[in-house]
Amino acid sequence: MKPRPWDVLLAFKLDRITRLGSVEGHAMLKTIFDTGARVETLKDSIPWDVPIARDILLALTFAIAQQESQNISERTLAARSAIAAGLRPGSLGGRPRRVTADKVAVIAELRSQRPPVPWSKVAQKVSLPIGTCRQAWLAHRRERGLPIAVATGRREKKVDPSVGDG
């Protein structure tokens, strides 16, 4: 038996492994089993040692998972359409924006001071990670066509905003 990086595929439920359907699910499990690894689930009780029961349960599980995936997709599309049409309150999704116009204004103000407030202090002031503050500041400068100074050690060099971060 050749060495492999893992011996067990552990999943919460079998339907989380794939939602592509029975044929694809069986093919995926065959690939896993051919390596000598085994599959364990926390919620499902699959009789791996009884082939007929195993095959029936796997076929049903993968078919139901595929149908559930289609249902989720249809519900999501319907909800997005309703929200876009104004028929339902809500937003079109995604995670909430942490960077607000107010926070960008604070970042710009702190970085425009001479000497500029250090990024660590800026990040603490607006409760955002340093990298997010830098990205917000760069976007703010680019939107206004302002030059962007990038720190290179102790000195700063001017960067053309149309080129990128430099």
N, C-alpha and C. Protein backbone atom coordinates (compact mmCIF):
# COMPACT_ATOMS: atom_id res chain seq x y z
N MET A 1 0.84 -1.17 0.00
CA MET A 1 0.00 0.00 0.00
C MET A 1 0.89 1.24 0.00
N LYS A 2 0.62 2.18 -0.93
CA LYS A 2 1.44 3.38 -1.00
C LYS A 2 1.04 4.37 0.09
N PRO A 3 2.00 5.17 0.55
CA PRO A 3 1.68 6.13 1.60
C PRO A 3 0.74 7.21 1.07
N ARG A 4 -0.08 7.74 1.95
CA ARG A 4 -1.01 8.81 1.58
C ARG A 4 -1.06 9.81 2.73
N PRO A 5 -1.49 11.03 2.44
CA PRO A 5 -1.47 12.04 3.49
C PRO A 5 -2.59 11.89 4.52
N TRP A 6 -3.55 11.03 4.29
CA TRP A 6 -4.66 10.88 5.23
C TRP A 6 -5.24 9.48 5.14
N ASP A 7 -5.86 9.03 6.23
CA ASP A 7 -6.45 7.70 6.30
C ASP A 7 -7.97 7.73 6.38
N VAL A 8 -8.52 8.84 6.89
CA VAL A 8 -9.96 8.93 7.12
C VAL A 8 -10.47 10.27 6.59
N LEU A 9 -11.58 10.21 5.85
CA LEU A 9 -12.31 11.41 5.49
C LEU A 9 -13.45 11.52 6.49
N LEU A 10 -13.42 12.56 7.31
CA LEU A 10 -14.43 12.76 8.34
C LEU A 10 -15.36 13.88 7.88
N ALA A 11 -16.64 13.58 7.79
CA ALA A 11 -17.63 14.57 7.38
C ALA A 11 -18.73 14.63 8.43
N PHE A 12 -19.35 15.78 8.56
CA PHE A 12 -20.46 15.92 9.48
C PHE A 12 -21.60 15.00 9.05
N LYS A 13 -21.97 15.09 7.78
CA LYS A 13 -22.98 14.20 7.19
C LYS A 13 -22.49 13.81 5.81
N LEU A 14 -22.93 12.67 5.36
CA LEU A 14 -22.49 12.17 4.06
C LEU A 14 -22.90 13.11 2.93
N ASP A 15 -24.06 13.74 3.04
CA ASP A 15 -24.50 14.62 1.95
C ASP A 15 -23.67 15.89 1.84
N ARG A 16 -22.78 16.15 2.82
CA ARG A 16 -21.90 17.31 2.75
C ARG A 16 -20.68 17.03 1.87
N ILE A 17 -20.42 15.77 1.57
CA ILE A 17 -19.27 15.42 0.75
C ILE A 17 -19.49 15.88 -0.69
N THR A 18 -20.67 15.63 -1.23
CA THR A 18 -21.00 16.10 -2.56
C THR A 18 -22.51 16.24 -2.69
N ARG A 19 -22.90 17.18 -3.52
CA ARG A 19 -24.33 17.36 -3.81
C ARG A 19 -24.56 17.25 -5.30
N LEU A 20 -23.68 16.54 -5.97
CA LEU A 20 -23.76 16.40 -7.41
C LEU A 20 -24.66 15.25 -7.85
N GLY A 21 -25.00 14.36 -6.96
CA GLY A 21 -25.87 13.24 -7.31
C GLY A 21 -25.25 11.90 -7.01
N SER A 22 -26.02 10.86 -7.29
CA SER A 22 -25.64 9.50 -6.93
C SER A 22 -24.41 9.00 -7.69
N VAL A 23 -24.40 9.21 -8.99
CA VAL A 23 -23.28 8.71 -9.80
C VAL A 23 -21.97 9.36 -9.37
N GLU A 24 -21.99 10.68 -9.24
CA GLU A 24 -20.77 11.40 -8.85
C GLU A 24 -20.36 11.05 -7.41
N GLY A 25 -21.35 10.89 -6.54
CA GLY A 25 -21.05 10.52 -5.16
C GLY A 25 -20.39 9.17 -5.06
N HIS A 26 -20.93 8.19 -5.80
CA HIS A 26 -20.32 6.86 -5.81
C HIS A 26 -18.91 6.91 -6.39
N ALA A 27 -18.72 7.69 -7.44
CA ALA A 27 -17.39 7.81 -8.06
C ALA A 27 -16.40 8.42 -7.07
N MET A 28 -16.84 9.43 -6.34
CA MET A 28 -15.96 10.08 -5.37
C MET A 28 -15.59 9.10 -4.25
N LEU A 29 -16.58 8.37 -3.75
CA LEU A 29 -16.28 7.40 -2.69
C LEU A 29 -15.38 6.29 -3.19
N LYS A 30 -15.58 5.85 -4.42
CA LYS A 30 -14.71 4.81 -5.00
C LYS A 30 -13.26 5.30 -5.04
N THR A 31 -13.09 6.55 -5.45
CA THR A 31 -11.74 7.12 -5.49
C THR A 31 -11.13 7.13 -4.10
N ILE A 32 -11.91 7.51 -3.10
CA ILE A 32 -11.41 7.54 -1.73
C ILE A 32 -11.07 6.14 -1.25
N PHE A 33 -11.97 5.20 -1.48
CA PHE A 33 -11.75 3.83 -1.02
C PHE A 33 -10.59 3.17 -1.76
N ASP A 34 -10.38 3.53 -3.04
CA ASP A 34 -9.26 2.96 -3.80
C ASP A 34 -7.91 3.36 -3.23
N THR A 35 -7.84 4.46 -2.51
CA THR A 35 -6.58 4.86 -1.89
C THR A 35 -6.33 4.10 -0.59
N GLY A 36 -7.34 3.38 -0.13
CA GLY A 36 -7.22 2.66 1.13
C GLY A 36 -7.75 3.45 2.31
N ALA A 37 -8.25 4.65 2.05
CA ALA A 37 -8.81 5.47 3.12
C ALA A 37 -10.25 5.04 3.39
N ARG A 38 -10.79 5.50 4.49
CA ARG A 38 -12.18 5.20 4.80
C ARG A 38 -12.94 6.50 5.07
N VAL A 39 -14.25 6.41 5.07
CA VAL A 39 -15.11 7.56 5.29
C VAL A 39 -15.86 7.37 6.59
N GLU A 40 -15.85 8.40 7.42
CA GLU A 40 -16.59 8.39 8.68
C GLU A 40 -17.48 9.64 8.70
N THR A 41 -18.69 9.48 9.21
CA THR A 41 -19.57 10.64 9.36
C THR A 41 -20.04 10.73 10.80
N LEU A 42 -20.31 11.95 11.23
CA LEU A 42 -20.74 12.16 12.61
C LEU A 42 -22.24 11.92 12.78
N LYS A 43 -23.03 12.18 11.74
CA LYS A 43 -24.48 12.09 11.86
C LYS A 43 -25.09 10.85 11.23
N ASP A 44 -24.53 10.37 10.12
CA ASP A 44 -25.12 9.25 9.40
C ASP A 44 -24.57 7.92 9.91
N SER A 45 -25.41 6.93 9.87
CA SER A 45 -24.98 5.59 10.24
C SER A 45 -25.07 4.72 8.99
N ILE A 46 -23.95 4.61 8.29
CA ILE A 46 -23.91 3.84 7.04
C ILE A 46 -23.29 2.47 7.34
N PRO A 47 -23.98 1.40 6.99
CA PRO A 47 -23.41 0.06 7.20
C PRO A 47 -22.40 -0.26 6.08
N TRP A 48 -21.16 0.19 6.25
CA TRP A 48 -20.14 0.04 5.21
C TRP A 48 -19.85 -1.42 4.89
N ASP A 49 -20.09 -2.32 5.85
CA ASP A 49 -19.76 -3.74 5.64
C ASP A 49 -20.90 -4.55 5.02
N VAL A 50 -22.07 -3.96 4.77
CA VAL A 50 -23.19 -4.65 4.13
C VAL A 50 -23.42 -3.98 2.77
N PRO A 51 -22.86 -4.54 1.70
CA PRO A 51 -22.85 -3.87 0.40
C PRO A 51 -24.22 -3.42 -0.12
N ILE A 52 -25.24 -4.26 -0.04
CA ILE A 52 -26.53 -3.89 -0.60
C ILE A 52 -27.17 -2.74 0.17
N ALA A 53 -27.10 -2.81 1.50
CA ALA A 53 -27.64 -1.73 2.34
C ALA A 53 -26.84 -0.45 2.13
N ARG A 54 -25.52 -0.59 2.08
CA ARG A 54 -24.65 0.57 1.86
C ARG A 54 -25.00 1.26 0.54
N ASP A 55 -25.10 0.48 -0.55
CA ASP A 55 -25.37 1.06 -1.87
C ASP A 55 -26.73 1.75 -1.94
N ILE A 56 -27.74 1.14 -1.33
CA ILE A 56 -29.07 1.75 -1.33
C ILE A 56 -29.06 3.06 -0.54
N LEU A 57 -28.47 3.03 0.66
CA LEU A 57 -28.41 4.24 1.48
C LEU A 57 -27.59 5.35 0.81
N LEU A 58 -26.49 4.97 0.19
CA LEU A 58 -25.67 5.98 -0.50
C LEU A 58 -26.43 6.61 -1.66
N ALA A 59 -27.11 5.77 -2.46
CA ALA A 59 -27.86 6.29 -3.60
C ALA A 59 -28.94 7.26 -3.14
N LEU A 60 -29.67 6.88 -2.09
CA LEU A 60 -30.72 7.76 -1.55
C LEU A 60 -30.13 9.05 -0.98
N THR A 61 -29.08 8.92 -0.22
CA THR A 61 -28.46 10.09 0.40
C THR A 61 -27.98 11.07 -0.65
N PHE A 62 -27.28 10.57 -1.66
CA PHE A 62 -26.76 11.47 -2.70
C PHE A 62 -27.88 12.07 -3.54
N ALA A 63 -28.93 11.31 -3.82
CA ALA A 63 -30.06 11.83 -4.59
C ALA A 63 -30.78 12.93 -3.81
N ILE A 64 -30.99 12.71 -2.53
CA ILE A 64 -31.64 13.72 -1.69
C ILE A 64 -30.75 14.96 -1.56
N ALA A 65 -29.46 14.76 -1.43
CA ALA A 65 -28.53 15.90 -1.34
C ALA A 65 -28.57 16.73 -2.61
N GLN A 66 -28.63 16.07 -3.76
CA GLN A 66 -28.70 16.78 -5.03
C GLN A 66 -29.99 17.59 -5.12
N GLN A 67 -31.11 16.99 -4.72
CA GLN A 67 -32.39 17.70 -4.75
C GLN A 67 -32.37 18.88 -3.80
N GLU A 68 -31.81 18.70 -2.63
CA GLU A 68 -31.72 19.80 -1.66
C GLU A 68 -30.86 20.94 -2.22
N SER A 69 -29.79 20.61 -2.91
CA SER A 69 -28.96 21.63 -3.53
C SER A 69 -29.75 22.44 -4.56
N GLN A 70 -30.55 21.75 -5.36
CA GLN A 70 -31.39 22.44 -6.34
C GLN A 70 -32.44 23.31 -5.65
N ASN A 71 -33.03 22.82 -4.57
CA ASN A 71 -34.02 23.60 -3.82
C ASN A 71 -33.40 24.88 -3.24
N ILE A 72 -32.21 24.75 -2.67
CA ILE A 72 -31.51 25.90 -2.11
C ILE A 72 -31.25 26.93 -3.20
N SER A 73 -30.79 26.46 -4.33
CA SER A 73 -30.50 27.35 -5.45
C SER A 73 -31.75 28.09 -5.90
N GLU A 74 -32.86 27.36 -6.04
CA GLU A 74 -34.11 27.98 -6.48
C GLU A 74 -34.61 29.01 -5.46
N ARG A 75 -34.52 28.68 -4.17
CA ARG A 75 -34.98 29.61 -3.14
C ARG A 75 -34.11 30.87 -3.11
N THR A 76 -32.81 30.68 -3.29
CA THR A 76 -31.90 31.82 -3.29
C THR A 76 -32.17 32.73 -4.47
N LEU A 77 -32.34 32.15 -5.65
CA LEU A 77 -32.63 32.97 -6.84
C LEU A 77 -33.96 33.70 -6.70
N ALA A 78 -34.97 33.03 -6.17
CA ALA A 78 -36.27 33.66 -5.98
C ALA A 78 -36.17 34.81 -4.98
N ALA A 79 -35.45 34.63 -3.90
CA ALA A 79 -35.30 35.68 -2.89
C ALA A 79 -34.53 36.87 -3.46
N ARG A 80 -33.47 36.60 -4.21
CA ARG A 80 -32.71 37.70 -4.82
C ARG A 80 -33.56 38.47 -5.80
N SER A 81 -34.35 37.78 -6.59
CA SER A 81 -35.23 38.44 -7.55
C SER A 81 -36.26 39.31 -6.84
N ALA A 82 -36.84 38.78 -5.76
CA ALA A 82 -37.84 39.52 -5.00
C ALA A 82 -37.22 40.76 -4.35
N ILE A 83 -36.03 40.63 -3.82
CA ILE A 83 -35.36 41.77 -3.20
C ILE A 83 -35.02 42.81 -4.26
N ALA A 84 -34.48 42.37 -5.39
CA ALA A 84 -34.12 43.31 -6.47
C ALA A 84 -35.35 44.03 -7.01
N ALA A 85 -36.48 43.35 -7.05
CA ALA A 85 -37.72 43.95 -7.56
C ALA A 85 -38.41 44.81 -6.50
N GLY A 86 -37.88 44.82 -5.28
CA GLY A 86 -38.46 45.61 -4.22
C GLY A 86 -39.69 44.98 -3.59
N LEU A 87 -39.91 43.70 -3.85
CA LEU A 87 -41.08 43.02 -3.31
C LEU A 87 -40.86 42.49 -1.90
N ARG A 88 -39.60 42.52 -1.49
CA ARG A 88 -39.27 41.93 -0.20
C ARG A 88 -38.15 42.78 0.41
N PRO A 89 -38.23 43.08 1.70
CA PRO A 89 -37.15 43.85 2.31
C PRO A 89 -35.90 42.99 2.44
N GLY A 90 -34.78 43.63 2.45
CA GLY A 90 -33.53 42.91 2.63
C GLY A 90 -32.46 43.45 1.71
N SER A 91 -31.36 42.77 1.68
CA SER A 91 -30.26 43.16 0.79
C SER A 91 -29.96 41.98 -0.11
N LEU A 92 -29.14 42.22 -1.11
CA LEU A 92 -28.84 41.17 -2.07
C LEU A 92 -27.78 40.20 -1.58
N GLY A 93 -27.41 40.30 -0.35
CA GLY A 93 -26.53 39.29 0.21
C GLY A 93 -25.10 39.75 0.37
N GLY A 94 -24.28 38.80 0.72
CA GLY A 94 -22.90 39.12 1.03
C GLY A 94 -22.79 39.48 2.49
N ARG A 95 -21.58 39.54 2.96
CA ARG A 95 -21.45 39.91 4.36
C ARG A 95 -21.49 41.42 4.50
N PRO A 96 -21.87 41.91 5.66
CA PRO A 96 -21.98 43.35 5.86
C PRO A 96 -20.63 44.04 5.67
N ARG A 97 -20.66 45.22 5.13
CA ARG A 97 -19.45 46.00 4.90
C ARG A 97 -18.93 46.54 6.23
N ARG A 98 -17.67 46.29 6.48
CA ARG A 98 -17.06 46.83 7.70
C ARG A 98 -16.55 48.24 7.45
N VAL A 99 -16.17 48.50 6.20
CA VAL A 99 -15.61 49.80 5.86
C VAL A 99 -16.76 50.72 5.44
N THR A 100 -17.03 51.71 6.26
CA THR A 100 -18.08 52.67 5.97
C THR A 100 -17.44 53.99 5.52
N ALA A 101 -18.25 54.88 4.97
CA ALA A 101 -17.74 56.18 4.54
C ALA A 101 -17.16 56.95 5.72
N ASP A 102 -17.79 56.82 6.88
CA ASP A 102 -17.29 57.50 8.08
C ASP A 102 -15.90 56.99 8.46
N LYS A 103 -15.72 55.67 8.40
CA LYS A 103 -14.42 55.10 8.76
C LYS A 103 -13.36 55.50 7.74
N VAL A 104 -13.71 55.54 6.46
CA VAL A 104 -12.76 55.97 5.43
C VAL A 104 -12.35 57.42 5.68
N ALA A 105 -13.30 58.27 6.07
CA ALA A 105 -12.99 59.67 6.35
C ALA A 105 -12.01 59.78 7.53
N VAL A 106 -12.22 58.97 8.55
CA VAL A 106 -11.31 58.98 9.70
C VAL A 106 -9.92 58.50 9.27
N ILE A 107 -9.88 57.43 8.49
CA ILE A 107 -8.60 56.89 8.01
C ILE A 107 -7.87 57.96 7.20
N ALA A 108 -8.56 58.61 6.28
CA ALA A 108 -7.95 59.64 5.44
C ALA A 108 -7.44 60.80 6.29
N GLU A 109 -8.23 61.21 7.27
CA GLU A 109 -7.83 62.32 8.14
C GLU A 109 -6.57 61.96 8.93
N LEU A 110 -6.55 60.78 9.52
CA LEU A 110 -5.39 60.37 10.33
C LEU A 110 -4.14 60.21 9.47
N ARG A 111 -4.29 59.70 8.26
CA ARG A 111 -3.12 59.50 7.40
C ARG A 111 -2.66 60.79 6.73
N SER A 112 -3.52 61.83 6.71
CA SER A 112 -3.12 63.09 6.09
C SER A 112 -2.34 63.98 7.05
N GLN A 113 -2.36 63.64 8.32
CA GLN A 113 -1.60 64.43 9.30
C GLN A 113 -0.11 64.27 9.03
N ARG A 114 0.66 65.27 9.42
CA ARG A 114 2.11 65.19 9.26
C ARG A 114 2.77 65.21 10.62
N PRO A 115 3.47 64.21 11.02
CA PRO A 115 3.64 62.94 10.31
C PRO A 115 2.35 62.12 10.38
N PRO A 116 2.19 61.20 9.40
CA PRO A 116 0.97 60.39 9.39
C PRO A 116 0.87 59.52 10.64
N VAL A 117 -0.34 59.34 11.11
CA VAL A 117 -0.57 58.46 12.25
C VAL A 117 -0.23 57.04 11.80
N PRO A 118 0.51 56.27 12.62
CA PRO A 118 0.88 54.91 12.22
C PRO A 118 -0.35 54.04 11.95
N TRP A 119 -0.18 53.10 11.03
CA TRP A 119 -1.29 52.23 10.64
C TRP A 119 -1.88 51.49 11.84
N SER A 120 -1.05 51.10 12.78
CA SER A 120 -1.58 50.36 13.94
C SER A 120 -2.54 51.23 14.75
N LYS A 121 -2.23 52.51 14.89
CA LYS A 121 -3.12 53.42 15.63
C LYS A 121 -4.39 53.70 14.82
N VAL A 122 -4.24 53.85 13.50
CA VAL A 122 -5.41 54.07 12.63
C VAL A 122 -6.36 52.89 12.76
N ALA A 123 -5.80 51.68 12.69
CA ALA A 123 -6.61 50.46 12.77
C ALA A 123 -7.35 50.37 14.10
N GLN A 124 -6.68 50.73 15.18
CA GLN A 124 -7.33 50.72 16.49
C GLN A 124 -8.47 51.73 16.55
N LYS A 125 -8.24 52.91 15.99
CA LYS A 125 -9.23 54.00 16.03
C LYS A 125 -10.53 53.61 15.32
N VAL A 126 -10.41 52.91 14.16
CA VAL A 126 -11.61 52.58 13.38
C VAL A 126 -12.05 51.13 13.56
N SER A 127 -11.37 50.40 14.41
CA SER A 127 -11.71 48.99 14.71
C SER A 127 -11.72 48.12 13.46
N LEU A 128 -10.67 48.24 12.66
CA LEU A 128 -10.50 47.42 11.45
C LEU A 128 -9.08 46.89 11.43
N PRO A 129 -8.85 45.79 10.71
CA PRO A 129 -7.48 45.30 10.55
C PRO A 129 -6.63 46.32 9.77
N ILE A 130 -5.33 46.27 10.00
CA ILE A 130 -4.42 47.21 9.34
C ILE A 130 -4.53 47.09 7.82
N GLY A 131 -4.54 45.87 7.29
CA GLY A 131 -4.62 45.68 5.85
C GLY A 131 -5.89 46.26 5.26
N THR A 132 -7.01 46.13 5.96
CA THR A 132 -8.28 46.69 5.49
C THR A 132 -8.20 48.22 5.47
N CYS A 133 -7.56 48.80 6.49
CA CYS A 133 -7.39 50.26 6.52
C CYS A 133 -6.56 50.72 5.34
N ARG A 134 -5.47 50.02 5.06
CA ARG A 134 -4.61 50.39 3.92
C ARG A 134 -5.39 50.30 2.61
N GLN A 135 -6.14 49.23 2.43
CA GLN A 135 -6.92 49.08 1.20
C GLN A 135 -7.95 50.19 1.07
N ALA A 136 -8.62 50.54 2.15
CA ALA A 136 -9.62 51.60 2.12
C ALA A 136 -8.96 52.93 1.79
N TRP A 137 -7.80 53.19 2.37
CA TRP A 137 -7.08 54.43 2.12
C TRP A 137 -6.64 54.51 0.66
N LEU A 138 -6.09 53.41 0.14
CA LEU A 138 -5.66 53.40 -1.27
C LEU A 138 -6.85 53.63 -2.20
N ALA A 139 -7.97 52.97 -1.93
CA ALA A 139 -9.16 53.14 -2.76
C ALA A 139 -9.64 54.59 -2.69
N HIS A 140 -9.63 55.17 -1.51
CA HIS A 140 -10.03 56.56 -1.31
C HIS A 140 -9.16 57.49 -2.15
N ARG A 141 -7.86 57.27 -2.11
CA ARG A 141 -6.92 58.11 -2.86
C ARG A 141 -7.11 57.92 -4.37
N ARG A 142 -7.29 56.68 -4.79
CA ARG A 142 -7.48 56.41 -6.23
C ARG A 142 -8.76 57.06 -6.74
N GLU A 143 -9.84 56.95 -5.99
CA GLU A 143 -11.12 57.53 -6.40
C GLU A 143 -11.02 59.04 -6.63
N ARG A 144 -10.14 59.68 -5.88
CA ARG A 144 -10.00 61.13 -5.98
C ARG A 144 -8.84 61.54 -6.88
N GLY A 145 -8.14 60.55 -7.45
CA GLY A 145 -7.01 60.85 -8.33
C GLY A 145 -5.82 61.44 -7.60
N LEU A 146 -5.72 61.16 -6.31
CA LEU A 146 -4.63 61.70 -5.50
C LEU A 146 -3.40 60.81 -5.61
N PRO A 147 -2.22 61.40 -5.47
CA PRO A 147 -1.01 60.56 -5.52
C PRO A 147 -0.97 59.64 -4.31
N ILE A 148 -0.34 58.52 -4.51
CA ILE A 148 -0.25 57.52 -3.44
C ILE A 148 1.21 57.38 -3.06
N ALA A 149 1.50 57.59 -1.80
CA ALA A 149 2.86 57.40 -1.30
C ALA A 149 2.91 56.05 -0.61
N VAL A 150 3.87 55.25 -1.01
CA VAL A 150 4.02 53.93 -0.43
C VAL A 150 5.29 53.91 0.39
N ALA A 151 5.19 53.46 1.62
CA ALA A 151 6.35 53.42 2.49
C ALA A 151 7.32 52.35 2.02
N THR A 152 8.58 52.76 1.87
CA THR A 152 9.63 51.81 1.50
C THR A 152 10.75 51.99 2.51
N GLY A 153 10.60 51.37 3.63
CA GLY A 153 11.57 51.55 4.70
C GLY A 153 11.32 52.88 5.39
N ARG A 154 12.36 53.74 5.47
CA ARG A 154 12.23 55.04 6.14
C ARG A 154 11.76 56.13 5.18
N ARG A 155 11.83 55.88 3.88
CA ARG A 155 11.46 56.90 2.91
C ARG A 155 10.18 56.50 2.19
N GLU A 156 9.53 57.48 1.63
CA GLU A 156 8.33 57.21 0.86
C GLU A 156 8.62 57.51 -0.59
N LYS A 157 8.02 56.73 -1.48
CA LYS A 157 8.16 57.03 -2.90
C LYS A 157 6.77 57.27 -3.47
N LYS A 158 6.71 58.13 -4.45
CA LYS A 158 5.45 58.45 -5.10
C LYS A 158 5.14 57.35 -6.10
N VAL A 159 3.87 56.97 -6.16
CA VAL A 159 3.43 55.91 -7.06
C VAL A 159 2.31 56.45 -7.91
N ASP A 160 2.33 56.13 -9.19
CA ASP A 160 1.26 56.53 -10.09
C ASP A 160 0.01 55.72 -9.74
N PRO A 161 -1.11 56.38 -9.35
CA PRO A 161 -2.31 55.64 -8.92
C PRO A 161 -2.92 54.79 -10.01
N SER A 162 -2.63 55.08 -11.27
CA SER A 162 -3.21 54.28 -12.34
C SER A 162 -2.49 52.96 -12.51
N VAL A 163 -1.31 52.82 -11.92
CA VAL A 163 -0.52 51.61 -12.06
C VAL A 163 -0.92 50.56 -11.05
N GLY A 164 -1.33 50.94 -9.87
CA GLY A 164 -1.69 49.97 -8.83
C GLY A 164 -1.04 50.32 -7.52
N ASP A 165 -0.85 49.33 -6.70
CA ASP A 165 -0.31 49.55 -5.36
C ASP A 165 1.17 49.88 -5.35
N GLY A 166 1.85 49.55 -6.43
CA GLY A 166 3.28 49.84 -6.52
C GLY A 166 4.02 48.75 -5.91
